[in-house]
Amino acid sequence: MARSRRAENTGFVCVHCTADVPANTDGHYRNHCPVCLWSLHVDDLPGDRASGCRQPMEPIGLVEKSGKGWQVVHRCTACGHRQPNRLVRDGDAPDDLDLVLSLPWL
């Protein structure tokens, strides 16, 4: 069954720092906490929300991708799956830029 992006773009409580994270307002999914940058392993493929793992994902570095700009790379603490996620630079809760810049380039 197809899911709408609007239905999937919801706020959440961060699994790592327990911050209340609002939904993203720029038309993309919110994939991580803007306060601590941690994520949750919910996707098998970007945006599909099909993973059964559902374990915390640690921010381990930065990459730059053509057309997408800087992305935070997350690694699942349970299964090791790696996934890059777009930075959130605008809206109600942009990512903490100092924390982003403290990550190593991969």
C-alpha atoms as a PDB file:
ATOM      1  CA  MET A   1       0.000   0.000   0.000  1.00  0.00           C
ATOM      2  CA  ALA A   2       1.429   3.399  -0.976  1.00  0.00           C
ATOM      3  CA  ARG A   3       1.961   5.891   1.815  1.00  0.00           C
ATOM      4  CA  SER A   4       1.708   9.632   1.456  1.00  0.00           C
ATOM      5  CA  ARG A   5       4.737  11.761   2.271  1.00  0.00           C
ATOM      6  CA  ARG A   6       2.504  14.056   4.306  1.00  0.00           C
ATOM      7  CA  ALA A   7       1.309  11.144   6.461  1.00  0.00           C
ATOM      8  CA  GLU A   8       4.883   9.954   7.039  1.00  0.00           C
ATOM      9  CA  ASN A   9       6.349  13.418   7.731  1.00  0.00           C
ATOM     10  CA  THR A  10       5.399  13.618  11.392  1.00  0.00           C
ATOM     11  CA  GLY A  11       7.090  14.817  14.550  1.00  0.00           C
ATOM     12  CA  PHE A  12       8.629  12.355  16.999  1.00  0.00           C
ATOM     13  CA  VAL A  13      10.488  12.051  20.291  1.00  0.00           C
ATOM     14  CA  CYS A  14      14.209  11.438  19.792  1.00  0.00           C
ATOM     15  CA  VAL A  15      15.220   7.920  20.803  1.00  0.00           C
ATOM     16  CA  HIS A  16      18.632   9.205  21.968  1.00  0.00           C
ATOM     17  CA  CYS A  17      18.137  12.562  23.739  1.00  0.00           C
ATOM     18  CA  THR A  18      14.308  12.545  24.119  1.00  0.00           C
ATOM     19  CA  ALA A  19      13.907  15.965  22.464  1.00  0.00           C
ATOM     20  CA  ASP A  20      10.508  16.680  20.904  1.00  0.00           C
ATOM     21  CA  VAL A  21      11.258  16.909  17.179  1.00  0.00           C
ATOM     22  CA  PRO A  22       8.723  18.656  14.927  1.00  0.00           C
ATOM     23  CA  ALA A  23       7.892  17.477  11.416  1.00  0.00           C
ATOM     24  CA  ASN A  24      10.105  18.929   8.705  1.00  0.00           C
ATOM     25  CA  THR A  25       8.590  21.862   6.819  1.00  0.00           C
ATOM     26  CA  ASP A  26      10.685  21.828   3.618  1.00  0.00           C
ATOM     27  CA  GLY A  27       8.916  18.943   1.838  1.00  0.00           C
ATOM     28  CA  HIS A  28      11.399  16.220   2.857  1.00  0.00           C
ATOM     29  CA  TYR A  29      11.137  13.565   5.551  1.00  0.00           C
ATOM     30  CA  ARG A  30      12.635  14.364   8.923  1.00  0.00           C
ATOM     31  CA  ASN A  31      15.143  11.524   9.425  1.00  0.00           C
ATOM     32  CA  HIS A  32      17.010  12.599  12.523  1.00  0.00           C
ATOM     33  CA  CYS A  33      16.996  14.768  15.626  1.00  0.00           C
ATOM     34  CA  PRO A  34      18.192  18.373  15.100  1.00  0.00           C
ATOM     35  CA  VAL A  35      19.548  18.485  18.670  1.00  0.00           C
ATOM     36  CA  CYS A  36      21.794  15.384  18.772  1.00  0.00           C
ATOM     37  CA  LEU A  37      21.616  14.212  15.095  1.00  0.00           C
ATOM     38  CA  TRP A  38      20.698  10.626  16.083  1.00  0.00           C
ATOM     39  CA  SER A  39      18.205   8.741  13.930  1.00  0.00           C
ATOM     40  CA  LEU A  40      16.164   5.544  14.012  1.00  0.00           C
ATOM     41  CA  HIS A  41      16.579   2.636  11.588  1.00  0.00           C
ATOM     42  CA  VAL A  42      13.185   2.782   9.875  1.00  0.00           C
ATOM     43  CA  ASP A  43      14.136   2.555   6.162  1.00  0.00           C
ATOM     44  CA  ASP A  44      15.446  -0.301   4.053  1.00  0.00           C
ATOM     45  CA  LEU A  45      15.627   2.087   1.105  1.00  0.00           C
ATOM     46  CA  PRO A  46      15.515   5.878   1.595  1.00  0.00           C
ATOM     47  CA  GLY A  47      12.004   6.963   2.551  1.00  0.00           C
ATOM     48  CA  ASP A  48      10.319   3.540   2.445  1.00  0.00           C
ATOM     49  CA  ARG A  49       9.832   3.184   6.244  1.00  0.00           C
ATOM     50  CA  ALA A  50      10.004  -0.595   5.705  1.00  0.00           C
ATOM     51  CA  SER A  51      12.797  -1.662   8.072  1.00  0.00           C
ATOM     52  CA  GLY A  52      11.867  -3.965  10.906  1.00  0.00           C
ATOM     53  CA  CYS A  53      15.074  -3.131  12.811  1.00  0.00           C
ATOM     54  CA  ARG A  54      13.823   0.081  14.476  1.00  0.00           C
ATOM     55  CA  GLN A  55      17.041   0.559  16.489  1.00  0.00           C
ATOM     56  CA  PRO A  56      18.970   3.812  17.132  1.00  0.00           C
ATOM     57  CA  MET A  57      21.340   5.086  14.456  1.00  0.00           C
ATOM     58  CA  GLU A  58      24.420   7.040  15.494  1.00  0.00           C
ATOM     59  CA  PRO A  59      25.665  10.006  13.426  1.00  0.00           C
ATOM     60  CA  ILE A  60      29.157   8.963  12.326  1.00  0.00           C
ATOM     61  CA  GLY A  61      30.181  11.490   9.672  1.00  0.00           C
ATOM     62  CA  LEU A  62      29.421  13.746   6.754  1.00  0.00           C
ATOM     63  CA  VAL A  63      29.375  13.205   3.007  1.00  0.00           C
ATOM     64  CA  GLU A  64      28.576  15.552   0.148  1.00  0.00           C
ATOM     65  CA  LYS A  65      26.323  14.288  -2.638  1.00  0.00           C
ATOM     66  CA  SER A  66      25.671  16.009  -5.932  1.00  0.00           C
ATOM     67  CA  GLY A  67      22.219  17.582  -5.928  1.00  0.00           C
ATOM     68  CA  LYS A  68      21.672  16.867  -2.238  1.00  0.00           C
ATOM     69  CA  GLY A  69      24.521  18.750  -0.599  1.00  0.00           C
ATOM     70  CA  TRP A  70      25.904  17.758   2.779  1.00  0.00           C
ATOM     71  CA  GLN A  71      24.416  14.676   4.387  1.00  0.00           C
ATOM     72  CA  VAL A  72      24.824  13.144   7.834  1.00  0.00           C
ATOM     73  CA  VAL A  73      25.761   9.461   7.662  1.00  0.00           C
ATOM     74  CA  HIS A  74      24.091   7.304  10.294  1.00  0.00           C
ATOM     75  CA  ARG A  75      25.092   3.779  11.365  1.00  0.00           C
ATOM     76  CA  CYS A  76      22.604   1.476  13.064  1.00  0.00           C
ATOM     77  CA  THR A  77      23.768   0.479  16.542  1.00  0.00           C
ATOM     78  CA  ALA A  78      22.194  -2.981  16.128  1.00  0.00           C
ATOM     79  CA  CYS A  79      22.801  -4.173  12.566  1.00  0.00           C
ATOM     80  CA  GLY A  80      25.424  -1.746  11.225  1.00  0.00           C
ATOM     81  CA  HIS A  81      23.284  -0.479   8.313  1.00  0.00           C
ATOM     82  CA  ARG A  82      24.577   2.882   7.041  1.00  0.00           C
ATOM     83  CA  GLN A  83      22.334   5.564   5.603  1.00  0.00           C
ATOM     84  CA  PRO A  84      23.061   9.175   4.585  1.00  0.00           C
ATOM     85  CA  ASN A  85      20.347  11.724   5.411  1.00  0.00           C
ATOM     86  CA  ARG A  86      19.895  15.279   4.184  1.00  0.00           C
ATOM     87  CA  LEU A  87      20.628  18.077   6.593  1.00  0.00           C
ATOM     88  CA  VAL A  88      17.709  20.203   7.692  1.00  0.00           C
ATOM     89  CA  ARG A  89      18.889  23.780   7.328  1.00  0.00           C
ATOM     90  CA  ASP A  90      15.627  25.737   7.432  1.00  0.00           C
ATOM     91  CA  GLY A  91      12.212  25.548   9.057  1.00  0.00           C
ATOM     92  CA  ASP A  92      11.122  25.279  12.656  1.00  0.00           C
ATOM     93  CA  ALA A  93      13.996  23.071  13.857  1.00  0.00           C
ATOM     94  CA  PRO A  94      17.163  23.244  11.728  1.00  0.00           C
ATOM     95  CA  ASP A  95      20.041  20.898  12.561  1.00  0.00           C
ATOM     96  CA  ASP A  96      22.608  22.128  15.078  1.00  0.00           C
ATOM     97  CA  LEU A  97      25.298  23.365  12.682  1.00  0.00           C
ATOM     98  CA  ASP A  98      28.069  23.270  15.313  1.00  0.00           C
ATOM     99  CA  LEU A  99      27.306  19.594  15.925  1.00  0.00           C
ATOM    100  CA  VAL A 100      27.152  18.879  12.183  1.00  0.00           C
ATOM    101  CA  LEU A 101      30.548  20.522  11.663  1.00  0.00           C
ATOM    102  CA  SER A 102      32.060  18.451  14.478  1.00  0.00           C
ATOM    103  CA  LEU A 103      31.433  15.229  12.496  1.00  0.00           C
ATOM    104  CA  PRO A 104      34.307  13.809  10.420  1.00  0.00           C
ATOM    105  CA  TRP A 105      34.156  13.764   6.606  1.00  0.00           C
ATOM    106  CA  LEU A 106      33.801  10.228   5.280  1.00  0.00           C
END
